[in-house]
Protein backbone atom coordinates (compact mmCIF):
# COMPACT_ATOMS: atom_id res chain seq x y z
CA MET A 1 20.66 -86.99 -0.16
CA ALA A 2 17.04 -87.54 -1.16
CA THR A 3 15.31 -84.78 -3.17
CA LYS A 4 12.39 -83.17 -1.30
CA ASP A 5 9.16 -83.54 -3.30
CA TYR A 6 6.98 -81.29 -1.14
CA LEU A 7 6.69 -77.70 0.21
CA THR A 8 6.24 -76.57 3.76
CA VAL A 9 3.39 -74.16 4.52
CA GLU A 10 5.96 -71.40 5.12
CA GLU A 11 7.59 -72.06 1.75
CA LEU A 12 4.26 -72.09 -0.05
CA ASN A 13 3.13 -68.87 1.56
CA TYR A 14 6.52 -67.24 0.84
CA TYR A 15 6.19 -68.27 -2.82
CA ILE A 16 2.62 -66.87 -3.04
CA ASN A 17 3.74 -63.62 -1.34
CA HIS A 18 6.62 -63.33 -3.83
CA ILE A 19 4.16 -63.67 -6.73
CA PHE A 20 1.96 -60.93 -5.28
CA SER A 21 4.91 -58.60 -4.68
CA GLU A 22 6.18 -59.06 -8.25
CA GLU A 23 2.82 -58.35 -9.88
CA GLU A 24 2.77 -54.59 -10.58
CA LEU A 25 -0.97 -54.54 -11.29
CA LEU A 26 -1.56 -55.39 -7.63
CA HIS A 27 0.52 -52.45 -6.31
CA ASN A 28 -2.16 -49.83 -6.98
CA VAL A 29 -5.60 -51.37 -7.29
CA PRO A 30 -8.88 -49.40 -7.25
CA VAL A 31 -11.62 -51.69 -5.97
CA VAL A 32 -15.29 -50.88 -5.25
CA GLY A 33 -17.46 -52.63 -2.67
CA GLU A 34 -19.60 -52.38 0.43
CA VAL A 35 -18.06 -51.90 3.89
CA SER A 36 -18.78 -54.56 6.47
CA GLY A 37 -17.50 -55.24 10.00
CA CYS A 38 -15.59 -51.95 10.21
CA SER A 39 -13.56 -51.23 13.37
CA VAL A 40 -10.69 -48.90 14.37
CA VAL A 41 -8.08 -50.50 16.62
CA GLY A 42 -4.84 -48.86 17.69
CA GLY A 43 -5.25 -46.10 15.12
CA HIS A 44 -5.75 -48.56 12.24
CA CYS A 45 -9.02 -49.29 10.42
CA TYR A 46 -10.04 -52.87 9.57
CA PHE A 47 -13.08 -53.96 7.55
CA VAL A 48 -14.34 -56.37 4.88
CA LEU A 49 -15.05 -55.04 1.41
CA LYS A 50 -17.70 -57.16 -0.34
CA ASP A 51 -20.08 -57.32 -3.24
CA GLN A 52 -22.78 -59.88 -4.09
CA LYS A 53 -20.32 -62.60 -5.02
CA ALA A 54 -17.08 -62.09 -3.10
CA GLN A 55 -15.29 -60.28 -0.29
CA ILE A 56 -11.75 -59.24 0.72
CA ARG A 57 -10.19 -57.91 3.88
CA VAL A 58 -8.98 -54.26 3.96
CA VAL A 59 -6.63 -52.54 6.40
CA PHE A 60 -6.18 -48.74 6.46
CA TYR A 61 -3.24 -47.69 8.65
CA ASN A 62 -3.10 -44.44 10.65
CA CYS A 63 -6.80 -43.76 10.29
CA LEU A 64 -8.63 -41.24 12.49
CA PRO A 65 -11.93 -42.59 13.86
CA GLN A 66 -13.92 -39.85 12.11
CA MET A 67 -12.30 -40.78 8.79
CA ALA A 68 -13.29 -44.45 8.97
CA PRO A 69 -16.10 -45.56 6.62
CA LYS A 70 -19.43 -46.78 7.98
CA ASN A 71 -20.84 -50.26 7.61
CA GLY A 72 -22.98 -50.42 4.50
CA ASP A 73 -21.15 -47.56 2.73
CA GLN A 74 -20.28 -48.07 -0.92
CA VAL A 75 -16.65 -47.00 -1.22
CA LEU A 76 -13.74 -46.88 -3.62
CA VAL A 77 -10.61 -48.30 -2.02
CA ARG A 78 -7.20 -47.57 -3.53
CA GLY A 79 -4.33 -49.68 -2.28
CA SER A 80 -1.98 -52.58 -2.85
CA VAL A 81 -2.86 -56.27 -2.56
CA ASP A 82 -0.80 -57.95 0.14
CA TYR A 83 -0.55 -61.63 1.03
CA TYR A 84 -0.08 -62.10 4.79
CA SER A 85 2.25 -65.11 4.94
CA LYS A 86 1.83 -66.03 8.59
CA GLY A 87 -1.97 -66.02 8.43
CA GLY A 88 -2.32 -67.15 4.86
CA GLN A 89 -4.68 -64.26 4.13
CA ILE A 90 -5.02 -61.78 1.29
CA ASN A 91 -5.54 -58.17 2.34
CA VAL A 92 -5.80 -54.84 0.59
CA LYS A 93 -3.52 -52.25 2.24
CA ALA A 94 -5.51 -49.08 1.53
CA TYR A 95 -4.00 -45.62 1.19
CA GLN A 96 -7.23 -43.88 0.18
CA ILE A 97 -10.90 -44.59 0.87
CA THR A 98 -13.53 -42.41 -0.77
CA PRO A 99 -17.28 -42.72 -1.21
CA PHE A 100 -18.00 -44.28 -4.58
CA GLY A 101 -19.55 -41.90 -7.07
CA GLN A 102 -18.75 -38.23 -7.53
CA GLY A 103 -22.06 -37.08 -6.10
CA ILE A 104 -21.24 -38.68 -2.77
CA LEU A 105 -17.74 -37.17 -2.84
CA TYR A 106 -19.17 -33.71 -3.46
CA GLU A 107 -21.64 -34.18 -0.62
CA GLN A 108 -18.89 -35.28 1.75
CA LEU A 109 -16.65 -32.42 0.64
CA GLU A 110 -19.41 -29.85 1.19
CA LYS A 111 -20.03 -31.15 4.71
CA LEU A 112 -16.34 -30.81 5.52
CA ARG A 113 -16.21 -27.34 3.98
CA LEU A 114 -19.17 -26.16 6.08
CA LYS A 115 -17.66 -27.67 9.20
CA LEU A 116 -14.32 -25.90 8.68
CA GLU A 117 -16.04 -22.67 7.73
CA GLN A 118 -18.04 -22.70 10.97
CA GLU A 119 -14.77 -23.14 12.87
CA GLY A 120 -13.42 -19.99 11.19
CA ILE A 121 -10.70 -21.81 9.26
CA PHE A 122 -11.43 -19.79 6.10
CA ARG A 123 -11.70 -16.34 7.77
CA GLU A 124 -10.21 -13.49 5.73
CA ASP A 125 -8.86 -11.73 8.82
CA HIS A 126 -6.67 -14.77 9.51
CA LYS A 127 -4.94 -14.60 6.13
CA LYS A 128 -1.43 -13.19 5.87
CA ASP A 129 -0.18 -10.72 3.26
CA ILE A 130 1.91 -12.10 0.43
CA PRO A 131 5.33 -10.35 0.21
CA ILE A 132 5.64 -8.07 -2.83
CA ARG A 133 9.20 -9.18 -3.62
CA PRO A 134 9.96 -12.46 -1.80
CA LYS A 135 13.60 -13.52 -1.93
CA ARG A 136 13.26 -17.12 -0.67
CA VAL A 137 10.41 -19.21 -2.07
CA ALA A 138 9.45 -22.85 -1.47
CA VAL A 139 7.39 -24.74 -4.07
CA ILE A 140 5.76 -27.93 -2.81
CA THR A 141 4.97 -30.05 -5.88
CA SER A 142 6.07 -33.05 -7.88
CA VAL A 143 9.34 -32.55 -9.73
CA GLN A 144 7.99 -34.88 -12.43
CA GLY A 145 4.99 -32.69 -13.28
CA ALA A 146 4.68 -29.92 -15.83
CA ALA A 147 3.54 -27.46 -13.14
CA VAL A 148 7.02 -27.00 -11.68
CA GLN A 149 8.56 -26.39 -15.12
CA ASP A 150 5.95 -23.75 -15.98
CA PHE A 151 6.52 -22.12 -12.60
CA LEU A 152 10.32 -21.99 -12.91
CA THR A 153 10.20 -20.77 -16.53
CA THR A 154 7.92 -17.88 -15.59
CA CYS A 155 10.07 -16.89 -12.60
CA LEU A 156 13.37 -17.03 -14.49
CA ARG A 157 11.94 -14.95 -17.32
CA LYS A 158 11.49 -12.08 -14.86
CA ASN A 159 14.61 -12.43 -12.73
CA SER A 160 17.30 -14.82 -11.60
CA VAL A 161 17.73 -13.47 -8.07
CA THR A 162 14.78 -15.17 -6.39
CA ASP A 163 15.95 -18.21 -4.43
CA ILE A 164 13.47 -20.99 -5.30
CA SER A 165 13.50 -24.35 -3.51
CA VAL A 166 11.40 -27.17 -4.98
CA ILE A 167 10.20 -29.71 -2.42
CA ASP A 168 9.29 -32.96 -4.17
CA VAL A 169 6.05 -34.62 -3.01
CA ARG A 170 3.48 -36.97 -4.45
CA VAL A 171 0.51 -34.90 -5.58
CA GLN A 172 -2.06 -37.69 -5.76
CA GLY A 173 -2.60 -41.20 -4.63
CA GLU A 174 -1.02 -42.98 -1.72
CA ASN A 175 1.01 -40.85 0.71
CA CYS A 176 0.09 -37.59 -1.05
CA VAL A 177 -1.49 -36.12 2.09
CA SER A 178 1.33 -37.16 4.42
CA ASP A 179 3.96 -35.90 1.94
CA VAL A 180 2.32 -32.48 1.62
CA VAL A 181 1.71 -32.08 5.36
CA THR A 182 5.34 -32.97 6.17
CA ALA A 183 6.66 -30.63 3.47
CA LEU A 184 4.49 -27.76 4.75
CA ILE A 185 5.65 -28.18 8.35
CA ASN A 186 9.33 -28.41 7.38
CA ALA A 187 9.15 -25.44 5.01
CA ASP A 188 7.40 -23.34 7.66
CA GLU A 189 10.23 -24.00 10.12
CA TYR A 190 12.92 -23.22 7.51
CA GLY A 191 11.92 -19.56 7.26
CA TYR A 192 10.87 -19.01 3.64
CA ASP A 193 9.22 -15.74 2.64
CA VAL A 194 6.35 -17.57 0.95
CA ILE A 195 5.34 -21.19 0.33
CA ILE A 196 3.46 -22.38 -2.78
CA VAL A 197 1.51 -25.62 -2.96
CA ALA A 198 1.28 -26.38 -6.69
CA ARG A 199 -0.21 -29.06 -8.90
CA GLY A 200 -1.27 -29.16 -12.52
CA GLY A 201 -4.79 -29.89 -13.66
CA GLY A 202 -6.54 -33.20 -13.26
CA SER A 203 -9.85 -34.85 -12.54
CA PHE A 204 -11.91 -34.22 -9.44
CA GLU A 205 -10.58 -37.45 -7.99
CA ASP A 206 -6.98 -36.56 -8.89
CA LEU A 207 -7.21 -33.30 -6.95
CA TYR A 208 -9.24 -34.72 -4.07
CA SER A 209 -6.24 -35.19 -1.75
CA PHE A 210 -5.99 -31.40 -1.48
CA ASN A 211 -9.39 -31.40 0.19
CA ASP A 212 -8.00 -33.47 3.06
CA GLU A 213 -8.66 -31.97 6.48
CA ARG A 214 -5.07 -32.58 7.61
CA ILE A 215 -3.64 -30.43 4.83
CA VAL A 216 -6.22 -27.70 5.44
CA ARG A 217 -5.50 -27.48 9.17
CA THR A 218 -1.74 -27.52 8.58
CA ILE A 219 -2.01 -24.54 6.21
CA TYR A 220 -4.23 -22.72 8.72
CA ASN A 221 -1.56 -23.07 11.43
CA MET A 222 1.34 -21.94 9.21
CA HIS A 223 3.40 -18.88 10.15
CA THR A 224 4.62 -18.43 6.56
CA PRO A 225 2.22 -17.06 3.90
CA VAL A 226 0.89 -19.85 1.67
CA ILE A 227 -0.28 -19.67 -1.94
CA SER A 228 -2.53 -22.43 -3.27
CA ALA A 229 -2.02 -23.17 -6.98
CA ILE A 230 -3.95 -26.40 -7.50
CA GLY A 231 -5.29 -27.35 -10.92
CA HIS A 232 -6.83 -24.85 -13.34
CA GLU A 233 -9.03 -21.78 -12.94
CA THR A 234 -12.24 -23.80 -12.60
CA ASP A 235 -10.76 -26.25 -10.09
CA TYR A 236 -11.38 -25.48 -6.42
CA THR A 237 -10.08 -27.39 -3.41
CA LEU A 238 -10.27 -26.64 0.31
CA CYS A 239 -6.62 -25.59 0.09
CA ASP A 240 -7.78 -22.62 -2.00
CA TYR A 241 -10.15 -21.52 0.76
CA VAL A 242 -7.65 -21.73 3.63
CA ALA A 243 -4.55 -20.45 1.80
CA ASP A 244 -3.54 -16.81 2.14
CA TYR A 245 -3.84 -16.40 -1.63
CA ARG A 246 -5.34 -18.54 -4.41
CA ALA A 247 -3.61 -18.62 -7.79
CA ILE A 248 -5.71 -20.04 -10.62
CA THR A 249 -2.70 -21.98 -11.96
CA PRO A 250 0.93 -22.61 -10.94
CA THR A 251 1.96 -20.15 -13.66
CA ALA A 252 -0.30 -17.52 -12.11
CA ALA A 253 1.40 -18.18 -8.77
CA ALA A 254 4.77 -17.50 -10.41
CA GLU A 255 3.40 -14.24 -11.85
CA LYS A 256 2.29 -13.30 -8.34
CA ILE A 257 5.62 -13.77 -6.56
CA ALA A 258 8.24 -13.24 -9.29
CA PHE A 259 9.18 -9.60 -9.76
CA ASP A 260 10.60 -8.12 -12.95
CA ILE A 261 14.17 -7.02 -12.19
CA ASN A 262 14.09 -4.34 -14.93
CA ILE A 263 10.93 -2.80 -13.52
CA MET A 264 12.55 -2.88 -10.10
CA LYS A 265 15.65 -1.10 -11.44
CA ASN A 266 13.48 1.61 -13.00
CA GLU A 267 11.56 1.96 -9.74
CA ILE A 268 14.84 2.36 -7.86
CA LEU A 269 16.02 5.02 -10.33
CA ASP A 270 12.68 6.85 -10.06
CA LEU A 271 12.85 6.60 -6.30
CA ALA A 272 16.42 7.91 -6.25
CA GLU A 273 15.37 10.86 -8.42
CA THR A 274 12.39 11.52 -6.18
CA ILE A 275 14.60 11.39 -3.10
CA GLY A 276 17.12 13.73 -4.77
CA ASN A 277 14.43 16.25 -5.68
CA ALA A 278 12.89 16.03 -2.25
CA THR A 279 16.33 16.51 -0.69
CA ASN A 280 17.04 19.58 -2.81
CA ASP A 281 13.64 21.01 -1.97
CA LYS A 282 14.30 20.34 1.68
CA LEU A 283 17.73 21.98 1.52
CA GLU A 284 16.31 25.03 -0.25
CA ASN A 285 13.58 25.28 2.34
CA ILE A 286 16.12 24.96 5.16
CA LYS A 287 18.36 27.56 3.49
CA TYR A 288 15.44 29.97 3.16
CA ARG A 289 14.44 29.44 6.78
CA ILE A 290 18.04 29.96 7.96
CA GLU A 291 18.41 33.16 5.94
CA LYS A 292 15.06 34.40 7.19
CA ALA A 293 15.99 33.56 10.77
CA ALA A 294 19.40 35.25 10.36
CA PHE A 295 17.75 38.39 8.97
CA GLU A 296 15.27 38.43 11.83
CA ILE A 297 18.07 37.91 14.36
CA LYS A 298 20.09 40.73 12.78
CA ASN A 299 17.12 43.11 12.90
CA LYS A 300 16.30 42.11 16.43
CA ALA A 301 19.95 42.48 17.47
CA ASN A 302 20.11 45.94 15.88
CA TYR A 303 16.91 46.92 17.62
CA LEU A 304 18.19 45.60 20.93
CA LEU A 305 21.55 47.33 20.48
CA LYS A 306 19.88 50.61 19.61
CA SER A 307 17.47 50.26 22.50
CA GLN A 308 20.29 49.40 24.90
CA TYR A 309 22.43 52.25 23.51
CA GLU A 310 19.61 54.72 24.13
CA LYS A 311 19.18 53.33 27.62
CA ILE A 312 22.91 53.70 28.25
CA LEU A 313 22.83 57.31 27.03
CA SER A 314 19.85 58.00 29.26
CA TYR A 315 21.59 56.38 32.20
CA ALA A 316 24.77 58.36 31.40
CA LYS A 317 22.82 61.63 31.40
CA LEU A 318 21.15 60.73 34.64
CA MET A 319 24.50 59.71 36.10
CA ASN A 320 26.06 63.00 34.97
CA ILE A 321 23.28 64.99 36.55
CA TYR A 322 23.54 62.89 39.69
CA LEU A 323 27.34 63.29 39.84
CA ASN A 324 27.13 67.06 39.27
CA HIS A 325 24.55 67.26 41.99
CA GLN A 326 26.64 65.16 44.31
CA PHE A 327 29.73 67.22 43.42
CA ASP A 328 27.95 70.47 44.15
CA ARG A 329 26.60 69.05 47.41
CA LYS A 330 29.96 67.68 48.47
CA SER A 331 31.71 70.88 47.39
CA GLY A 332 29.40 72.82 49.71
CA GLU A 333 30.04 70.37 52.52
CA PHE A 334 33.77 70.57 51.83
CA ALA A 335 33.72 74.34 51.91
CA ALA A 336 31.85 74.27 55.21
CA ILE A 337 34.32 71.80 56.65
CA THR A 338 37.23 73.89 55.34
CA THR A 339 35.78 76.96 56.97
CA ARG A 340 35.33 75.07 60.22
CA LEU A 341 38.86 73.73 60.01
CA ASP A 342 40.18 77.16 59.25
CA ASP A 343 38.30 78.60 62.16
CA ASN A 344 39.72 75.97 64.46
CA SER A 345 43.22 75.92 62.98
CA PRO A 346 45.98 76.09 65.67
CA ILE A 347 48.02 78.26 63.31
CA LYS A 348 45.24 80.80 63.24
CA LEU A 349 45.17 80.73 67.05
CA LEU A 350 48.92 81.13 67.14
CA LYS A 351 48.59 84.21 64.99
CA LYS A 352 46.28 85.64 67.63
CA GLY A 353 49.04 85.28 70.24
CA TYR A 354 48.41 81.79 71.50
CA PHE A 355 51.25 79.23 72.02
CA ARG A 356 51.51 75.46 71.96
CA ILE A 357 53.20 73.66 74.79
CA VAL A 358 54.86 70.36 73.83
CA LYS A 359 56.45 67.86 76.20
CA ASN A 360 58.33 64.89 74.82
CA GLY A 361 56.80 65.51 71.39
CA LYS A 362 53.22 65.53 72.69
CA ASP A 363 50.90 68.52 73.02
CA ILE A 364 50.02 69.54 76.60
CA TYR A 365 46.43 70.46 77.21
CA ASP A 366 46.52 70.48 81.04
CA THR A 367 49.18 71.86 83.43
CA LYS A 368 48.78 68.72 85.45
CA GLN A 369 50.80 67.03 82.77
CA ILE A 370 53.84 69.24 83.64
CA LYS A 371 56.04 68.89 86.66
CA GLU A 372 58.64 71.22 88.01
CA LYS A 373 62.16 70.98 86.48
CA GLU A 374 60.79 69.25 83.34
CA GLU A 375 61.82 70.47 79.94
CA ILE A 376 59.04 71.78 77.71
CA SER A 377 58.80 73.46 74.32
CA VAL A 378 56.77 76.63 73.80
CA ILE A 379 55.81 76.96 70.13
CA GLY A 380 54.57 80.18 68.68
CA GLU A 381 53.70 81.26 65.14
CA LYS A 382 57.28 81.65 64.05
CA GLU A 383 59.54 80.47 66.91
CA LYS A 384 59.94 77.65 69.39
CA ILE A 385 61.29 78.24 72.94
CA THR A 386 62.75 75.46 75.05
CA ALA A 387 62.36 76.07 78.80
CA ILE A 388 62.74 74.40 82.21
CA VAL A 389 59.79 74.61 84.59
CA THR A 390 61.03 76.24 87.74
CA LYS A 391 57.76 76.67 89.55
CA LYS A 392 54.06 75.76 89.42
CA GLU A 393 51.44 77.97 91.12
CA ARG A 394 47.68 77.86 91.32
CA ILE A 395 45.90 80.85 90.01
């Protein structure tokens, strides 16, 4: 088989692409130039970056229209150099585009700050209170940085009961903004007591990602309290303005949320003593009130008993007088009735010579009740006569 002494276009382009991919210096290149032919298509920004002697194509994926640079702007593009094999073109895949020169960056930052401030993003009444003793804490930072070590050392010096989760993100450069936004959203849904966005010190450019509008708006919409601990005391980012609390350093953030377990124990003991004293005072007060109430009830009961006893005696006297009066009145009536009965007594009449006539055990008051030949009894005072009626005559 004959040896091939040529390359196809595909093979050549593949070889060139392999060289580009192996060259580490081309993975993160800062390049300055003027923007030309800028357009945003399908959410991606395309333009040519040029100077007086050369130009190169740039693509910035997932770019909002308002974030795209303007034609004629002098910008600093950070990205990786990519060789597009099919088209045989060299492009810079940008992950960050900033105005070139710190003065321009400050001007752009101030415009964004004023815009967000006018929207009310930084309002104090929107900020949430930071828990005094949070149990579950999320720290969004790079696990490779010194900030996380300082934070954990400070927390562990005070107690070992706080549950701290470290969420690893890139804190500058490509994908920093997307990493932080994703971490914030996930941590907010997980239900932490407080979330800390932390980063150690650095240059203005190093910290610039934390001025990104996407991070600011994400923090504003959080349900969980957020502490911003970016850089040093003199470093300010828009995260500091929107966060619920700004710590001047990551260590200061740890001092804010980590509670001293010994102080807490002493506070609990003091509180227990206070509760005990308050309980004793309350019991003594209740005891005094009960004894006072019992004494008052006893006095009132004695007064009522005495009052009722006097009423009963009064009623008894009145009843006695009434009964004596009734007895005297009834005695007089009884005597009158007795006299009347005595006056009308059949025995008394019998003594006067009258007789009772009885027929079949019944008294006869009219002669019509007697027929001839009937047996009757004639009763006197001392004797009874049984007789047969032989004759009836009218008188």
